[in-house]
Amino acid sequence: MKTKAKTVKLNVTAEERKHINNDPKFVPAPPARPKLRIWWIPQVPKPAGAEGFYVDVNSLREAKLLLETLAKYDLYQYQHRIKPDYANAGGLEVQEPDGEWCDWYNEEGQGIDDLELKDL
């Protein structure tokens, strides 16, 4: 006994139909890039009332460059006796789809400190 295939009608927009039909004029929007930001605490432990800060970045390369620059600036201040001592901390965060920020790691489990600027 043969069974007949059932036709199901879907509500498809004209734009979706163009994509489905491989219309060369249809260009899907690029996937949204995850939001990235660096965080920096210039003095650990933080003095009373002092806060670390965040800076939005557009790429891993930009994040690495900024983190290295901040670290070198703190070292410069120490070496030239602008700061009597220092212990800093910083890192890179990515915003999850639910809006929460968490530490960034690549597929191999490496954080931004594990990567070299020349490789980004």
PDB file of N, CA and C in Angstrom:
ATOM      1  N   MET A   1       0.831  -1.173   0.000  1.00  0.00           N
ATOM      2  CA  MET A   1       0.000   0.000   0.000  1.00  0.00           C
ATOM      3  C   MET A   1       0.881   1.243   0.000  1.00  0.00           C
ATOM      4  N   LYS A   2       0.653   2.122  -0.932  1.00  0.00           N
ATOM      5  CA  LYS A   2       1.417   3.357  -1.034  1.00  0.00           C
ATOM      6  C   LYS A   2       0.758   4.425  -0.185  1.00  0.00           C
ATOM      7  N   THR A   3       1.624   5.224   0.485  1.00  0.00           N
ATOM      8  CA  THR A   3       1.089   6.369   1.214  1.00  0.00           C
ATOM      9  C   THR A   3       1.505   7.624   0.482  1.00  0.00           C
ATOM     10  N   LYS A   4       0.629   8.559   0.482  1.00  0.00           N
ATOM     11  CA  LYS A   4       0.891   9.815  -0.193  1.00  0.00           C
ATOM     12  C   LYS A   4       1.595  10.775   0.758  1.00  0.00           C
ATOM     13  N   ALA A   5       2.597  11.462   0.254  1.00  0.00           N
ATOM     14  CA  ALA A   5       3.289  12.466   1.066  1.00  0.00           C
ATOM     15  C   ALA A   5       2.341  13.620   1.330  1.00  0.00           C
ATOM     16  N   LYS A   6       2.404  14.111   2.511  1.00  0.00           N
ATOM     17  CA  LYS A   6       1.552  15.218   2.907  1.00  0.00           C
ATOM     18  C   LYS A   6       2.268  16.535   2.617  1.00  0.00           C
ATOM     19  N   THR A   7       1.602  17.461   2.015  1.00  0.00           N
ATOM     20  CA  THR A   7       2.170  18.779   1.766  1.00  0.00           C
ATOM     21  C   THR A   7       1.841  19.678   2.942  1.00  0.00           C
ATOM     22  N   VAL A   8       2.885  20.321   3.452  1.00  0.00           N
ATOM     23  CA  VAL A   8       2.703  21.234   4.571  1.00  0.00           C
ATOM     24  C   VAL A   8       3.014  22.631   4.075  1.00  0.00           C
ATOM     25  N   LYS A   9       2.100  23.522   4.293  1.00  0.00           N
ATOM     26  CA  LYS A   9       2.305  24.897   3.859  1.00  0.00           C
ATOM     27  C   LYS A   9       2.936  25.673   5.007  1.00  0.00           C
ATOM     28  N   LEU A  10       4.065  26.309   4.715  1.00  0.00           N
ATOM     29  CA  LEU A  10       4.765  27.112   5.712  1.00  0.00           C
ATOM     30  C   LEU A  10       4.609  28.586   5.394  1.00  0.00           C
ATOM     31  N   ASN A  11       4.571  29.386   6.416  1.00  0.00           N
ATOM     32  CA  ASN A  11       4.561  30.834   6.220  1.00  0.00           C
ATOM     33  C   ASN A  11       5.996  31.299   6.045  1.00  0.00           C
ATOM     34  N   VAL A  12       6.370  31.559   4.810  1.00  0.00           N
ATOM     35  CA  VAL A  12       7.730  31.969   4.485  1.00  0.00           C
ATOM     36  C   VAL A  12       7.674  33.352   3.862  1.00  0.00           C
ATOM     37  N   THR A  13       8.530  34.237   4.358  1.00  0.00           N
ATOM     38  CA  THR A  13       8.566  35.590   3.805  1.00  0.00           C
ATOM     39  C   THR A  13       9.242  35.560   2.442  1.00  0.00           C
ATOM     40  N   ALA A  14       9.037  36.629   1.681  1.00  0.00           N
ATOM     41  CA  ALA A  14       9.660  36.730   0.361  1.00  0.00           C
ATOM     42  C   ALA A  14      11.184  36.694   0.485  1.00  0.00           C
ATOM     43  N   GLU A  15      11.729  37.325   1.527  1.00  0.00           N
ATOM     44  CA  GLU A  15      13.176  37.342   1.716  1.00  0.00           C
ATOM     45  C   GLU A  15      13.692  35.927   2.012  1.00  0.00           C
ATOM     46  N   GLU A  16      12.976  35.194   2.841  1.00  0.00           N
ATOM     47  CA  GLU A  16      13.375  33.824   3.139  1.00  0.00           C
ATOM     48  C   GLU A  16      13.270  32.955   1.887  1.00  0.00           C
ATOM     49  N   ARG A  17      12.284  33.206   1.096  1.00  0.00           N
ATOM     50  CA  ARG A  17      12.102  32.442  -0.141  1.00  0.00           C
ATOM     51  C   ARG A  17      13.285  32.690  -1.079  1.00  0.00           C
ATOM     52  N   LYS A  18      13.746  33.946  -1.189  1.00  0.00           N
ATOM     53  CA  LYS A  18      14.907  34.245  -2.038  1.00  0.00           C
ATOM     54  C   LYS A  18      16.120  33.460  -1.566  1.00  0.00           C
ATOM     55  N   HIS A  19      16.312  33.422  -0.259  1.00  0.00           N
ATOM     56  CA  HIS A  19      17.443  32.688   0.293  1.00  0.00           C
ATOM     57  C   HIS A  19      17.304  31.203  -0.016  1.00  0.00           C
ATOM     58  N   ILE A  20      16.124  30.678   0.168  1.00  0.00           N
ATOM     59  CA  ILE A  20      15.876  29.261  -0.085  1.00  0.00           C
ATOM     60  C   ILE A  20      16.125  28.932  -1.551  1.00  0.00           C
ATOM     61  N   ASN A  21      15.758  29.821  -2.430  1.00  0.00           N
ATOM     62  CA  ASN A  21      15.911  29.587  -3.865  1.00  0.00           C
ATOM     63  C   ASN A  21      17.295  29.969  -4.373  1.00  0.00           C
ATOM     64  N   ASN A  22      18.208  30.291  -3.468  1.00  0.00           N
ATOM     65  CA  ASN A  22      19.583  30.662  -3.831  1.00  0.00           C
ATOM     66  C   ASN A  22      19.645  31.834  -4.796  1.00  0.00           C
ATOM     67  N   ASP A  23      18.826  32.810  -4.564  1.00  0.00           N
ATOM     68  CA  ASP A  23      18.857  34.027  -5.373  1.00  0.00           C
ATOM     69  C   ASP A  23      20.191  34.721  -5.147  1.00  0.00           C
ATOM     70  N   PRO A  24      20.973  34.954  -6.203  1.00  0.00           N
ATOM     71  CA  PRO A  24      22.290  35.589  -6.025  1.00  0.00           C
ATOM     72  C   PRO A  24      22.197  37.016  -5.474  1.00  0.00           C
ATOM     73  N   LYS A  25      21.033  37.637  -5.557  1.00  0.00           N
ATOM     74  CA  LYS A  25      20.876  38.996  -5.037  1.00  0.00           C
ATOM     75  C   LYS A  25      20.648  38.993  -3.522  1.00  0.00           C
ATOM     76  N   PHE A  26      20.327  37.836  -2.970  1.00  0.00           N
ATOM     77  CA  PHE A  26      20.082  37.747  -1.536  1.00  0.00           C
ATOM     78  C   PHE A  26      21.409  37.599  -0.803  1.00  0.00           C
ATOM     79  N   VAL A  27      21.672  38.529   0.079  1.00  0.00           N
ATOM     80  CA  VAL A  27      22.888  38.479   0.889  1.00  0.00           C
ATOM     81  C   VAL A  27      22.450  38.459   2.348  1.00  0.00           C
ATOM     82  N   PRO A  28      22.599  37.321   3.001  1.00  0.00           N
ATOM     83  CA  PRO A  28      22.193  37.279   4.405  1.00  0.00           C
ATOM     84  C   PRO A  28      23.090  38.171   5.254  1.00  0.00           C
ATOM     85  N   ALA A  29      22.538  38.696   6.315  1.00  0.00           N
ATOM     86  CA  ALA A  29      23.319  39.538   7.216  1.00  0.00           C
ATOM     87  C   ALA A  29      24.427  38.693   7.835  1.00  0.00           C
ATOM     88  N   PRO A  30      25.616  39.280   7.997  1.00  0.00           N
ATOM     89  CA  PRO A  30      26.690  38.510   8.628  1.00  0.00           C
ATOM     90  C   PRO A  30      26.322  38.225  10.080  1.00  0.00           C
ATOM     91  N   PRO A  31      26.823  37.125  10.603  1.00  0.00           N
ATOM     92  CA  PRO A  31      26.516  36.826  11.997  1.00  0.00           C
ATOM     93  C   PRO A  31      27.083  37.921  12.899  1.00  0.00           C
ATOM     94  N   ALA A  32      26.362  38.230  13.939  1.00  0.00           N
ATOM     95  CA  ALA A  32      26.811  39.274  14.864  1.00  0.00           C
ATOM     96  C   ALA A  32      28.079  38.812  15.561  1.00  0.00           C
ATOM     97  N   ARG A  33      29.069  39.711  15.609  1.00  0.00           N
ATOM     98  CA  ARG A  33      30.297  39.410  16.339  1.00  0.00           C
ATOM     99  C   ARG A  33      30.026  39.530  17.824  1.00  0.00           C
ATOM    100  N   PRO A  34      30.611  38.646  18.610  1.00  0.00           N
ATOM    101  CA  PRO A  34      30.406  38.784  20.048  1.00  0.00           C
ATOM    102  C   PRO A  34      31.042  40.072  20.545  1.00  0.00           C
ATOM    103  N   LYS A  35      30.446  40.665  21.549  1.00  0.00           N
ATOM    104  CA  LYS A  35      30.998  41.877  22.134  1.00  0.00           C
ATOM    105  C   LYS A  35      32.149  41.492  23.047  1.00  0.00           C
ATOM    106  N   LEU A  36      33.235  42.252  22.941  1.00  0.00           N
ATOM    107  CA  LEU A  36      34.427  42.022  23.741  1.00  0.00           C
ATOM    108  C   LEU A  36      34.766  43.276  24.533  1.00  0.00           C
ATOM    109  N   ARG A  37      35.362  43.081  25.712  1.00  0.00           N
ATOM    110  CA  ARG A  37      35.870  44.212  26.480  1.00  0.00           C
ATOM    111  C   ARG A  37      37.046  43.728  27.321  1.00  0.00           C
ATOM    112  N   ILE A  38      37.988  44.640  27.532  1.00  0.00           N
ATOM    113  CA  ILE A  38      39.064  44.319  28.445  1.00  0.00           C
ATOM    114  C   ILE A  38      38.726  44.919  29.800  1.00  0.00           C
ATOM    115  N   TRP A  39      39.283  44.342  30.847  1.00  0.00           N
ATOM    116  CA  TRP A  39      39.165  44.921  32.179  1.00  0.00           C
ATOM    117  C   TRP A  39      40.575  45.117  32.714  1.00  0.00           C
ATOM    118  N   TRP A  40      40.755  46.147  33.515  1.00  0.00           N
ATOM    119  CA  TRP A  40      42.085  46.448  34.041  1.00  0.00           C
ATOM    120  C   TRP A  40      41.968  46.986  35.456  1.00  0.00           C
ATOM    121  N   ILE A  41      42.786  46.445  36.338  1.00  0.00           N
ATOM    122  CA  ILE A  41      42.898  46.940  37.707  1.00  0.00           C
ATOM    123  C   ILE A  41      44.359  47.357  37.865  1.00  0.00           C
ATOM    124  N   PRO A  42      44.646  48.666  37.922  1.00  0.00           N
ATOM    125  CA  PRO A  42      46.038  49.114  37.966  1.00  0.00           C
ATOM    126  C   PRO A  42      46.746  48.854  39.295  1.00  0.00           C
ATOM    127  N   GLN A  43      46.012  48.616  40.348  1.00  0.00           N
ATOM    128  CA  GLN A  43      46.625  48.340  41.647  1.00  0.00           C
ATOM    129  C   GLN A  43      45.828  47.267  42.371  1.00  0.00           C
ATOM    130  N   VAL A  44      46.491  46.141  42.671  1.00  0.00           N
ATOM    131  CA  VAL A  44      45.868  45.041  43.393  1.00  0.00           C
ATOM    132  C   VAL A  44      46.603  44.895  44.718  1.00  0.00           C
ATOM    133  N   PRO A  45      45.955  44.847  45.874  1.00  0.00           N
ATOM    134  CA  PRO A  45      44.522  45.053  46.035  1.00  0.00           C
ATOM    135  C   PRO A  45      44.151  46.499  45.766  1.00  0.00           C
ATOM    136  N   LYS A  46      42.904  46.688  45.369  1.00  0.00           N
ATOM    137  CA  LYS A  46      42.437  48.036  45.029  1.00  0.00           C
ATOM    138  C   LYS A  46      42.398  48.889  46.295  1.00  0.00           C
ATOM    139  N   PRO A  47      42.952  50.095  46.214  1.00  0.00           N
ATOM    140  CA  PRO A  47      42.816  51.009  47.353  1.00  0.00           C
ATOM    141  C   PRO A  47      41.338  51.330  47.593  1.00  0.00           C
ATOM    142  N   ALA A  48      41.008  51.692  48.801  1.00  0.00           N
ATOM    143  CA  ALA A  48      39.613  52.018  49.142  1.00  0.00           C
ATOM    144  C   ALA A  48      39.068  53.055  48.176  1.00  0.00           C
ATOM    145  N   GLY A  49      37.917  52.770  47.617  1.00  0.00           N
ATOM    146  CA  GLY A  49      37.262  53.698  46.699  1.00  0.00           C
ATOM    147  C   GLY A  49      37.747  53.607  45.261  1.00  0.00           C
ATOM    148  N   ALA A  50      38.852  52.916  45.025  1.00  0.00           N
ATOM    149  CA  ALA A  50      39.375  52.794  43.660  1.00  0.00           C
ATOM    150  C   ALA A  50      38.681  51.629  42.954  1.00  0.00           C
ATOM    151  N   GLU A  51      38.496  51.784  41.694  1.00  0.00           N
ATOM    152  CA  GLU A  51      37.851  50.748  40.888  1.00  0.00           C
ATOM    153  C   GLU A  51      38.731  50.427  39.690  1.00  0.00           C
ATOM    154  N   GLY A  52      38.582  49.231  39.206  1.00  0.00           N
ATOM    155  CA  GLY A  52      39.169  48.905  37.927  1.00  0.00           C
ATOM    156  C   GLY A  52      38.287  49.518  36.844  1.00  0.00           C
ATOM    157  N   PHE A  53      38.628  49.287  35.590  1.00  0.00           N
ATOM    158  CA  PHE A  53      37.818  49.852  34.511  1.00  0.00           C
ATOM    159  C   PHE A  53      37.737  48.884  33.345  1.00  0.00           C
ATOM    160  N   TYR A  54      36.775  49.156  32.470  1.00  0.00           N
ATOM    161  CA  TYR A  54      36.526  48.358  31.270  1.00  0.00           C
ATOM    162  C   TYR A  54      36.693  49.231  30.037  1.00  0.00           C
ATOM    163  N   VAL A  55      37.149  48.612  28.946  1.00  0.00           N
ATOM    164  CA  VAL A  55      37.230  49.287  27.653  1.00  0.00           C
ATOM    165  C   VAL A  55      36.716  48.314  26.601  1.00  0.00           C
ATOM    166  N   ASP A  56      35.714  48.729  25.830  1.00  0.00           N
ATOM    167  CA  ASP A  56      35.206  47.905  24.733  1.00  0.00           C
ATOM    168  C   ASP A  56      36.264  47.813  23.641  1.00  0.00           C
ATOM    169  N   VAL A  57      36.416  46.629  23.056  1.00  0.00           N
ATOM    170  CA  VAL A  57      37.360  46.419  21.957  1.00  0.00           C
ATOM    171  C   VAL A  57      36.644  45.707  20.817  1.00  0.00           C
ATOM    172  N   ASN A  58      37.207  45.826  19.620  1.00  0.00           N
ATOM    173  CA  ASN A  58      36.576  45.253  18.430  1.00  0.00           C
ATOM    174  C   ASN A  58      37.177  43.930  17.985  1.00  0.00           C
ATOM    175  N   SER A  59      38.325  43.560  18.546  1.00  0.00           N
ATOM    176  CA  SER A  59      38.980  42.340  18.088  1.00  0.00           C
ATOM    177  C   SER A  59      39.931  41.820  19.158  1.00  0.00           C
ATOM    178  N   LEU A  60      40.374  40.582  18.968  1.00  0.00           N
ATOM    179  CA  LEU A  60      41.366  40.016  19.874  1.00  0.00           C
ATOM    180  C   LEU A  60      42.677  40.776  19.780  1.00  0.00           C
ATOM    181  N   ARG A  61      43.045  41.168  18.584  1.00  0.00           N
ATOM    182  CA  ARG A  61      44.293  41.922  18.389  1.00  0.00           C
ATOM    183  C   ARG A  61      44.243  43.247  19.149  1.00  0.00           C
ATOM    184  N   GLU A  62      43.139  43.948  19.038  1.00  0.00           N
ATOM    185  CA  GLU A  62      42.986  45.221  19.747  1.00  0.00           C
ATOM    186  C   GLU A  62      43.040  44.997  21.259  1.00  0.00           C
ATOM    187  N   ALA A  63      42.412  43.937  21.740  1.00  0.00           N
ATOM    188  CA  ALA A  63      42.421  43.617  23.169  1.00  0.00           C
ATOM    189  C   ALA A  63      43.852  43.355  23.648  1.00  0.00           C
ATOM    190  N   LYS A  64      44.576  42.526  22.914  1.00  0.00           N
ATOM    191  CA  LYS A  64      45.947  42.174  23.299  1.00  0.00           C
ATOM    192  C   LYS A  64      46.835  43.408  23.305  1.00  0.00           C
ATOM    193  N   LEU A  65      46.723  44.230  22.291  1.00  0.00           N
ATOM    194  CA  LEU A  65      47.538  45.441  22.196  1.00  0.00           C
ATOM    195  C   LEU A  65      47.256  46.386  23.368  1.00  0.00           C
ATOM    196  N   LEU A  66      46.005  46.566  23.697  1.00  0.00           N
ATOM    197  CA  LEU A  66      45.642  47.462  24.792  1.00  0.00           C
ATOM    198  C   LEU A  66      46.115  46.904  26.135  1.00  0.00           C
ATOM    199  N   LEU A  67      45.934  45.617  26.368  1.00  0.00           N
ATOM    200  CA  LEU A  67      46.391  45.015  27.627  1.00  0.00           C
ATOM    201  C   LEU A  67      47.912  45.113  27.767  1.00  0.00           C
ATOM    202  N   GLU A  68      48.644  44.868  26.685  1.00  0.00           N
ATOM    203  CA  GLU A  68      50.097  44.992  26.733  1.00  0.00           C
ATOM    204  C   GLU A  68      50.523  46.438  26.985  1.00  0.00           C
ATOM    205  N   THR A  69      49.826  47.382  26.385  1.00  0.00           N
ATOM    206  CA  THR A  69      50.141  48.794  26.573  1.00  0.00           C
ATOM    207  C   THR A  69      49.914  49.217  28.022  1.00  0.00           C
ATOM    208  N   LEU A  70      48.788  48.814  28.598  1.00  0.00           N
ATOM    209  CA  LEU A  70      48.512  49.154  29.994  1.00  0.00           C
ATOM    210  C   LEU A  70      49.566  48.549  30.925  1.00  0.00           C
ATOM    211  N   ALA A  71      49.967  47.311  30.668  1.00  0.00           N
ATOM    212  CA  ALA A  71      50.988  46.662  31.502  1.00  0.00           C
ATOM    213  C   ALA A  71      52.323  47.397  31.393  1.00  0.00           C
ATOM    214  N   LYS A  72      52.709  47.771  30.182  1.00  0.00           N
ATOM    215  CA  LYS A  72      53.968  48.498  29.985  1.00  0.00           C
ATOM    216  C   LYS A  72      53.931  49.876  30.642  1.00  0.00           C
ATOM    217  N   TYR A  73      52.779  50.512  30.611  1.00  0.00           N
ATOM    218  CA  TYR A  73      52.633  51.831  31.245  1.00  0.00           C
ATOM    219  C   TYR A  73      52.797  51.714  32.761  1.00  0.00           C
ATOM    220  N   ASP A  74      52.181  50.697  33.366  1.00  0.00           N
ATOM    221  CA  ASP A  74      52.347  50.496  34.808  1.00  0.00           C
ATOM    222  C   ASP A  74      53.813  50.227  35.146  1.00  0.00           C
ATOM    223  N   LEU A  75      54.492  49.411  34.348  1.00  0.00           N
ATOM    224  CA  LEU A  75      55.905  49.127  34.573  1.00  0.00           C
ATOM    225  C   LEU A  75      56.740  50.402  34.432  1.00  0.00           C
ATOM    226  N   TYR A  76      56.448  51.199  33.425  1.00  0.00           N
ATOM    227  CA  TYR A  76      57.146  52.474  33.224  1.00  0.00           C
ATOM    228  C   TYR A  76      56.996  53.372  34.457  1.00  0.00           C
ATOM    229  N   GLN A  77      55.777  53.475  34.983  1.00  0.00           N
ATOM    230  CA  GLN A  77      55.548  54.311  36.161  1.00  0.00           C
ATOM    231  C   GLN A  77      56.352  53.809  37.359  1.00  0.00           C
ATOM    232  N   TYR A  78      56.441  52.505  37.516  1.00  0.00           N
ATOM    233  CA  TYR A  78      57.210  51.936  38.621  1.00  0.00           C
ATOM    234  C   TYR A  78      58.709  52.203  38.428  1.00  0.00           C
ATOM    235  N   GLN A  79      59.220  51.933  37.232  1.00  0.00           N
ATOM    236  CA  GLN A  79      60.652  52.102  36.960  1.00  0.00           C
ATOM    237  C   GLN A  79      61.105  53.552  37.095  1.00  0.00           C
ATOM    238  N   HIS A  80      60.219  54.488  36.854  1.00  0.00           N
ATOM    239  CA  HIS A  80      60.557  55.914  36.935  1.00  0.00           C
ATOM    240  C   HIS A  80      60.059  56.546  38.236  1.00  0.00           C
ATOM    241  N   ARG A  81      59.773  55.709  39.201  1.00  0.00           N
ATOM    242  CA  ARG A  81      59.393  56.119  40.553  1.00  0.00           C
ATOM    243  C   ARG A  81      58.169  57.037  40.596  1.00  0.00           C
ATOM    244  N   ILE A  82      57.281  56.839  39.652  1.00  0.00           N
ATOM    245  CA  ILE A  82      56.002  57.548  39.676  1.00  0.00           C
ATOM    246  C   ILE A  82      55.073  56.823  40.650  1.00  0.00           C
ATOM    247  N   LYS A  83      55.167  55.495  40.644  1.00  0.00           N
ATOM    248  CA  LYS A  83      54.453  54.644  41.596  1.00  0.00           C
ATOM    249  C   LYS A  83      55.503  53.967  42.466  1.00  0.00           C
ATOM    250  N   PRO A  84      55.285  53.914  43.775  1.00  0.00           N
ATOM    251  CA  PRO A  84      56.281  53.254  44.623  1.00  0.00           C
ATOM    252  C   PRO A  84      56.298  51.734  44.417  1.00  0.00           C
ATOM    253  N   ASP A  85      55.174  51.150  44.087  1.00  0.00           N
ATOM    254  CA  ASP A  85      55.085  49.722  43.796  1.00  0.00           C
ATOM    255  C   ASP A  85      53.794  49.494  43.018  1.00  0.00           C
ATOM    256  N   TYR A  86      53.644  48.314  42.515  1.00  0.00           N
ATOM    257  CA  TYR A  86      52.380  48.006  41.836  1.00  0.00           C
ATOM    258  C   TYR A  86      52.212  46.513  41.672  1.00  0.00           C
ATOM    259  N   ALA A  87      50.978  46.112  41.584  1.00  0.00           N
ATOM    260  CA  ALA A  87      50.581  44.766  41.207  1.00  0.00           C
ATOM    261  C   ALA A  87      49.277  44.947  40.447  1.00  0.00           C
ATOM    262  N   ASN A  88      49.316  44.708  39.153  1.00  0.00           N
ATOM    263  CA  ASN A  88      48.128  44.948  38.329  1.00  0.00           C
ATOM    264  C   ASN A  88      47.492  43.640  37.887  1.00  0.00           C
ATOM    265  N   ALA A  89      46.313  43.749  37.310  1.00  0.00           N
ATOM    266  CA  ALA A  89      45.611  42.583  36.774  1.00  0.00           C
ATOM    267  C   ALA A  89      44.701  43.061  35.655  1.00  0.00           C
ATOM    268  N   GLY A  90      44.547  42.212  34.656  1.00  0.00           N
ATOM    269  CA  GLY A  90      43.666  42.552  33.547  1.00  0.00           C
ATOM    270  C   GLY A  90      43.275  41.307  32.797  1.00  0.00           C
ATOM    271  N   GLY A  91      42.313  41.460  31.907  1.00  0.00           N
ATOM    272  CA  GLY A  91      41.873  40.319  31.126  1.00  0.00           C
ATOM    273  C   GLY A  91      40.870  40.725  30.071  1.00  0.00           C
ATOM    274  N   LEU A  92      40.348  39.729  29.391  1.00  0.00           N
ATOM    275  CA  LEU A  92      39.396  39.932  28.301  1.00  0.00           C
ATOM    276  C   LEU A  92      38.113  39.195  28.625  1.00  0.00           C
ATOM    277  N   GLU A  93      36.999  39.864  28.401  1.00  0.00           N
ATOM    278  CA  GLU A  93      35.686  39.261  28.611  1.00  0.00           C
ATOM    279  C   GLU A  93      34.887  39.292  27.320  1.00  0.00           C
ATOM    280  N   VAL A  94      33.972  38.353  27.198  1.00  0.00           N
ATOM    281  CA  VAL A  94      33.041  38.279  26.068  1.00  0.00           C
ATOM    282  C   VAL A  94      31.627  38.300  26.631  1.00  0.00           C
ATOM    283  N   GLN A  95      30.737  38.961  25.915  1.00  0.00           N
ATOM    284  CA  GLN A  95      29.351  39.022  26.371  1.00  0.00           C
ATOM    285  C   GLN A  95      28.581  37.833  25.804  1.00  0.00           C
ATOM    286  N   GLU A  96      27.965  37.077  26.689  1.00  0.00           N
ATOM    287  CA  GLU A  96      27.163  35.927  26.302  1.00  0.00           C
ATOM    288  C   GLU A  96      25.823  36.410  25.733  1.00  0.00           C
ATOM    289  N   PRO A  97      25.110  35.550  24.987  1.00  0.00           N
ATOM    290  CA  PRO A  97      23.816  35.949  24.422  1.00  0.00           C
ATOM    291  C   PRO A  97      22.815  36.448  25.466  1.00  0.00           C
ATOM    292  N   ASP A  98      22.927  35.954  26.716  1.00  0.00           N
ATOM    293  CA  ASP A  98      22.001  36.406  27.755  1.00  0.00           C
ATOM    294  C   ASP A  98      22.412  37.739  28.379  1.00  0.00           C
ATOM    295  N   GLY A  99      23.523  38.335  27.877  1.00  0.00           N
ATOM    296  CA  GLY A  99      23.980  39.638  28.363  1.00  0.00           C
ATOM    297  C   GLY A  99      25.040  39.561  29.444  1.00  0.00           C
ATOM    298  N   GLU A 100      25.295  38.384  29.964  1.00  0.00           N
ATOM    299  CA  GLU A 100      26.292  38.234  31.027  1.00  0.00           C
ATOM    300  C   GLU A 100      27.703  38.267  30.434  1.00  0.00           C
ATOM    301  N   TRP A 101      28.633  38.893  31.158  1.00  0.00           N
ATOM    302  CA  TRP A 101      30.031  38.947  30.741  1.00  0.00           C
ATOM    303  C   TRP A 101      30.796  37.825  31.428  1.00  0.00           C
ATOM    304  N   CYS A 102      31.675  37.148  30.667  1.00  0.00           N
ATOM    305  CA  CYS A 102      32.509  36.099  31.253  1.00  0.00           C
ATOM    306  C   CYS A 102      33.886  36.137  30.595  1.00  0.00           C
ATOM    307  N   ASP A 103      34.868  35.502  31.232  1.00  0.00           N
ATOM    308  CA  ASP A 103      36.215  35.476  30.681  1.00  0.00           C
ATOM    309  C   ASP A 103      36.216  34.825  29.310  1.00  0.00           C
ATOM    310  N   TRP A 104      37.028  35.366  28.402  1.00  0.00           N
ATOM    311  CA  TRP A 104      37.141  34.838  27.047  1.00  0.00           C
ATOM    312  C   TRP A 104      38.227  33.775  26.991  1.00  0.00           C
ATOM    313  N   TYR A 105      37.911  32.668  26.320  1.00  0.00           N
ATOM    314  CA  TYR A 105      38.881  31.609  26.009  1.00  0.00           C
ATOM    315  C   TYR A 105      38.609  31.138  24.590  1.00  0.00           C
ATOM    316  N   ASN A 106      39.682  30.774  23.869  1.00  0.00           N
ATOM    317  CA  ASN A 106      39.483  30.243  22.519  1.00  0.00           C
ATOM    318  C   ASN A 106      39.121  28.764  22.589  1.00  0.00           C
ATOM    319  N   GLU A 107      38.990  28.126  21.430  1.00  0.00           N
ATOM    320  CA  GLU A 107      38.566  26.730  21.359  1.00  0.00           C
ATOM    321  C   GLU A 107      39.561  25.788  22.039  1.00  0.00           C
ATOM    322  N   GLU A 108      40.834  26.200  22.113  1.00  0.00           N
ATOM    323  CA  GLU A 108      41.862  25.378  22.753  1.00  0.00           C
ATOM    324  C   GLU A 108      41.966  25.647  24.248  1.00  0.00           C
ATOM    325  N   GLY A 109      41.110  26.510  24.770  1.00  0.00           N
ATOM    326  CA  GLY A 109      41.129  26.820  26.195  1.00  0.00           C
ATOM    327  C   GLY A 109      42.149  27.877  26.591  1.00  0.00           C
ATOM    328  N   GLN A 110      42.713  28.561  25.604  1.00  0.00           N
ATOM    329  CA  GLN A 110      43.700  29.601  25.892  1.00  0.00           C
ATOM    330  C   GLN A 110      43.004  30.936  26.131  1.00  0.00           C
ATOM    331  N   GLY A 111      43.508  31.676  27.121  1.00  0.00           N
ATOM    332  CA  GLY A 111      43.040  33.030  27.363  1.00  0.00           C
ATOM    333  C   GLY A 111      43.889  34.017  26.591  1.00  0.00           C
ATOM    334  N   ILE A 112      43.542  35.278  26.665  1.00  0.00           N
ATOM    335  CA  ILE A 112      44.264  36.318  25.914  1.00  0.00           C
ATOM    336  C   ILE A 112      45.736  36.392  26.326  1.00  0.00           C
ATOM    337  N   ASP A 113      46.055  36.103  27.596  1.00  0.00           N
ATOM    338  CA  ASP A 113      47.453  36.141  28.052  1.00  0.00           C
ATOM    339  C   ASP A 113      48.288  35.030  27.431  1.00  0.00           C
ATOM    340  N   ASP A 114      47.652  33.972  26.960  1.00  0.00           N
ATOM    341  CA  ASP A 114      48.368  32.850  26.358  1.00  0.00           C
ATOM    342  C   ASP A 114      48.702  33.084  24.884  1.00  0.00           C
ATOM    343  N   LEU A 115      48.157  34.133  24.292  1.00  0.00           N
ATOM    344  CA  LEU A 115      48.335  34.391  22.860  1.00  0.00           C
ATOM    345  C   LEU A 115      49.386  35.475  22.625  1.00  0.00           C
ATOM    346  N   GLU A 116      50.052  35.388  21.501  1.00  0.00           N
ATOM    347  CA  GLU A 116      51.043  36.400  21.104  1.00  0.00           C
ATOM    348  C   GLU A 116      50.392  37.384  20.136  1.00  0.00           C
ATOM    349  N   LEU A 117      50.736  38.646  20.261  1.00  0.00           N
ATOM    350  CA  LEU A 117      50.178  39.691  19.392  1.00  0.00           C
ATOM    351  C   LEU A 117      50.441  39.377  17.926  1.00  0.00           C
ATOM    352  N   LYS A 118      51.632  38.878  17.612  1.00  0.00           N
ATOM    353  CA  LYS A 118      51.975  38.587  16.209  1.00  0.00           C
ATOM    354  C   LYS A 118      51.086  37.506  15.597  1.00  0.00           C
ATOM    355  N   ASP A 119      50.461  36.692  16.435  1.00  0.00           N
ATOM    356  CA  ASP A 119      49.614  35.605  15.945  1.00  0.00           C
ATOM    357  C   ASP A 119      48.158  36.004  15.781  1.00  0.00           C
ATOM    358  N   LEU A 120      47.817  37.217  16.162  1.00  0.00           N
ATOM    359  CA  LEU A 120      46.407  37.645  16.087  1.00  0.00           C
ATOM    360  C   LEU A 120      46.150  38.466  14.848  1.00  0.00           C
TER     361      LEU A 120
END
